[in-house]
Amino acid sequence: MNVTERINKLCQQHHLSKYKLSQITGISQSALSKMTKQQANLSLDTIQRICGAFGISVAQFFSEADEYPDLTVEQKQLLHTWSLLDAKRRDYALLLIEKLLDL
C-alpha cells in the first residue's frame, strides 16, 4: 500500500483539507505536503498522529480496502461509519450508545 495514497484517500473520505489535517495533527503544512508528495519518510509517531486525526488505528491505516478482519457485517458497517465521523460526532455517538445500554 502506498502511504501517500492512503492519506489522500482518508482526507477525501473525511472531507478534510491538508491544511485542516495539519492543524489537527500539529504537523506543519510543509512537512505534510512533502509527505503527501512522497518526498519524505513518515515516522511511526507521524503515522499515529495522522491516524488519530481520522479516528483509526495504525492497523486500520495499513489495512487493504478498509477491511476489518474477523468482524460481522454489522460491526464492519459500524466501524466504517465511525471512521467517517469527526471527534465531536464520535462523542455524541458514544453518549447515545451508553444511553441505549441504560434502556
C-alpha atoms as a PDB file:
ATOM      1  CA  MET A   1       0.000   0.000   0.000  1.00  0.00           C
ATOM      2  CA  ASN A   2       1.135   3.491  -0.805  1.00  0.00           C
ATOM      3  CA  VAL A   3       1.066   5.629   2.359  1.00  0.00           C
ATOM      4  CA  THR A   4       0.655   8.829   0.356  1.00  0.00           C
ATOM      5  CA  GLU A   5      -2.382   7.476  -1.466  1.00  0.00           C
ATOM      6  CA  ARG A   6      -3.851   6.312   1.838  1.00  0.00           C
ATOM      7  CA  ILE A   7      -3.511   9.762   3.424  1.00  0.00           C
ATOM      8  CA  ASN A   8      -5.067  11.401   0.364  1.00  0.00           C
ATOM      9  CA  LYS A   9      -7.921   8.872   0.343  1.00  0.00           C
ATOM     10  CA  LEU A  10      -8.633   9.435   4.040  1.00  0.00           C
ATOM     11  CA  CYS A  11      -8.650  13.203   3.534  1.00  0.00           C
ATOM     12  CA  GLN A  12     -11.173  12.805   0.732  1.00  0.00           C
ATOM     13  CA  GLN A  13     -13.367  10.417   2.729  1.00  0.00           C
ATOM     14  CA  HIS A  14     -13.429  12.759   5.709  1.00  0.00           C
ATOM     15  CA  HIS A  15     -13.741  15.941   3.638  1.00  0.00           C
ATOM     16  CA  LEU A  16     -10.602  17.176   5.345  1.00  0.00           C
ATOM     17  CA  SER A  17      -8.153  19.524   3.673  1.00  0.00           C
ATOM     18  CA  LYS A  18      -4.423  19.100   4.146  1.00  0.00           C
ATOM     19  CA  TYR A  19      -4.479  22.437   5.978  1.00  0.00           C
ATOM     20  CA  LYS A  20      -7.043  21.129   8.494  1.00  0.00           C
ATOM     21  CA  LEU A  21      -5.128  17.841   8.845  1.00  0.00           C
ATOM     22  CA  SER A  22      -2.037  19.894   9.583  1.00  0.00           C
ATOM     23  CA  GLN A  23      -3.886  21.800  12.300  1.00  0.00           C
ATOM     24  CA  ILE A  24      -5.311  18.652  13.904  1.00  0.00           C
ATOM     25  CA  THR A  25      -2.055  16.699  13.894  1.00  0.00           C
ATOM     26  CA  GLY A  26       0.353  19.516  14.661  1.00  0.00           C
ATOM     27  CA  ILE A  27       2.384  18.554  11.605  1.00  0.00           C
ATOM     28  CA  SER A  28       3.480  21.608   9.646  1.00  0.00           C
ATOM     29  CA  GLN A  29       1.860  22.176   6.285  1.00  0.00           C
ATOM     30  CA  SER A  30       5.211  21.993   4.514  1.00  0.00           C
ATOM     31  CA  ALA A  31       6.077  18.661   6.164  1.00  0.00           C
ATOM     32  CA  LEU A  32       2.634  17.281   5.376  1.00  0.00           C
ATOM     33  CA  SER A  33       2.947  18.471   1.795  1.00  0.00           C
ATOM     34  CA  LYS A  34       6.308  16.693   1.432  1.00  0.00           C
ATOM     35  CA  MET A  35       4.806  13.518   2.894  1.00  0.00           C
ATOM     36  CA  THR A  36       1.868  13.542   0.523  1.00  0.00           C
ATOM     37  CA  LYS A  37       4.195  14.096  -2.419  1.00  0.00           C
ATOM     38  CA  GLN A  38       6.388  11.149  -1.353  1.00  0.00           C
ATOM     39  CA  GLN A  39       9.368  13.380  -0.701  1.00  0.00           C
ATOM     40  CA  ALA A  40       9.703  12.469   2.968  1.00  0.00           C
ATOM     41  CA  ASN A  41       9.594   9.341   5.083  1.00  0.00           C
ATOM     42  CA  LEU A  42       6.951   9.063   7.762  1.00  0.00           C
ATOM     43  CA  SER A  43       7.864   8.122  11.300  1.00  0.00           C
ATOM     44  CA  LEU A  44       5.607   5.919  13.402  1.00  0.00           C
ATOM     45  CA  ASP A  45       4.766   8.963  15.537  1.00  0.00           C
ATOM     46  CA  THR A  46       3.662  10.865  12.440  1.00  0.00           C
ATOM     47  CA  ILE A  47       1.510   7.975  11.240  1.00  0.00           C
ATOM     48  CA  GLN A  48      -0.056   7.680  14.717  1.00  0.00           C
ATOM     49  CA  ARG A  49      -0.859  11.397  14.717  1.00  0.00           C
ATOM     50  CA  ILE A  50      -2.454  11.121  11.289  1.00  0.00           C
ATOM     51  CA  CYS A  51      -4.426   8.057  12.390  1.00  0.00           C
ATOM     52  CA  GLY A  52      -5.590   9.952  15.464  1.00  0.00           C
ATOM     53  CA  ALA A  53      -6.914  12.746  13.273  1.00  0.00           C
ATOM     54  CA  PHE A  54      -9.045  10.229  11.385  1.00  0.00           C
ATOM     55  CA  GLY A  55     -10.014   8.189  14.436  1.00  0.00           C
ATOM     56  CA  ILE A  56      -8.482   4.987  13.145  1.00  0.00           C
ATOM     57  CA  SER A  57      -5.797   2.632  14.377  1.00  0.00           C
ATOM     58  CA  VAL A  58      -2.442   2.156  12.682  1.00  0.00           C
ATOM     59  CA  ALA A  59      -3.631  -1.351  11.729  1.00  0.00           C
ATOM     60  CA  GLN A  60      -6.681   0.163  10.025  1.00  0.00           C
ATOM     61  CA  PHE A  61      -4.464   2.681   8.259  1.00  0.00           C
ATOM     62  CA  PHE A  62      -2.472  -0.135   6.669  1.00  0.00           C
ATOM     63  CA  SER A  63      -5.448  -2.422   6.102  1.00  0.00           C
ATOM     64  CA  GLU A  64      -6.184  -3.117   2.463  1.00  0.00           C
ATOM     65  CA  ALA A  65      -9.556  -1.959   1.124  1.00  0.00           C
ATOM     66  CA  ASP A  66     -10.643  -0.725   4.568  1.00  0.00           C
ATOM     67  CA  GLU A  67     -11.233  -4.308   5.661  1.00  0.00           C
ATOM     68  CA  TYR A  68     -11.773  -5.231   9.280  1.00  0.00           C
ATOM     69  CA  PRO A  69     -10.872  -8.908   9.722  1.00  0.00           C
ATOM     70  CA  ASP A  70     -12.971 -11.254  11.859  1.00  0.00           C
ATOM     71  CA  LEU A  71     -15.911  -8.888  12.235  1.00  0.00           C
ATOM     72  CA  THR A  72     -19.556  -9.319  11.336  1.00  0.00           C
ATOM     73  CA  VAL A  73     -21.083  -7.267   8.546  1.00  0.00           C
ATOM     74  CA  GLU A  74     -22.836  -5.075  11.134  1.00  0.00           C
ATOM     75  CA  GLN A  75     -19.608  -4.485  13.055  1.00  0.00           C
ATOM     76  CA  LYS A  76     -17.775  -3.548   9.860  1.00  0.00           C
ATOM     77  CA  GLN A  77     -20.560  -1.129   8.944  1.00  0.00           C
ATOM     78  CA  LEU A  78     -20.416   0.491  12.386  1.00  0.00           C
ATOM     79  CA  LEU A  79     -16.640   0.881  12.231  1.00  0.00           C
ATOM     80  CA  HIS A  80     -16.778   2.307   8.742  1.00  0.00           C
ATOM     81  CA  THR A  81     -19.442   4.817   9.763  1.00  0.00           C
ATOM     82  CA  TRP A  82     -17.470   5.647  12.920  1.00  0.00           C
ATOM     83  CA  SER A  83     -14.356   6.354  10.844  1.00  0.00           C
ATOM     84  CA  LEU A  84     -16.273   8.983   8.874  1.00  0.00           C
ATOM     85  CA  LEU A  85     -17.323  10.937  11.979  1.00  0.00           C
ATOM     86  CA  ASP A  86     -15.399  13.879  13.360  1.00  0.00           C
ATOM     87  CA  ALA A  87     -14.392  13.908  17.044  1.00  0.00           C
ATOM     88  CA  LYS A  88     -17.476  15.816  18.200  1.00  0.00           C
ATOM     89  CA  ARG A  89     -19.862  13.432  16.467  1.00  0.00           C
ATOM     90  CA  ARG A  90     -17.970  10.445  17.891  1.00  0.00           C
ATOM     91  CA  ASP A  91     -18.542  11.850  21.375  1.00  0.00           C
ATOM     92  CA  TYR A  92     -22.266  12.142  20.638  1.00  0.00           C
ATOM     93  CA  ALA A  93     -22.372   8.614  19.238  1.00  0.00           C
ATOM     94  CA  LEU A  94     -20.708   7.217  22.368  1.00  0.00           C
ATOM     95  CA  LEU A  95     -23.186   9.050  24.587  1.00  0.00           C
ATOM     96  CA  LEU A  96     -26.076   7.652  22.561  1.00  0.00           C
ATOM     97  CA  ILE A  97     -24.728   4.111  22.779  1.00  0.00           C
ATOM     98  CA  GLU A  98     -24.217   4.442  26.528  1.00  0.00           C
ATOM     99  CA  LYS A  99     -27.814   5.668  26.914  1.00  0.00           C
ATOM    100  CA  LEU A 100     -29.046   2.706  24.875  1.00  0.00           C
ATOM    101  CA  LEU A 101     -27.384   0.400  27.403  1.00  0.00           C
ATOM    102  CA  ASP A 102     -29.495   2.000  30.142  1.00  0.00           C
ATOM    103  CA  LEU A 103     -32.799   1.134  28.403  1.00  0.00           C
END
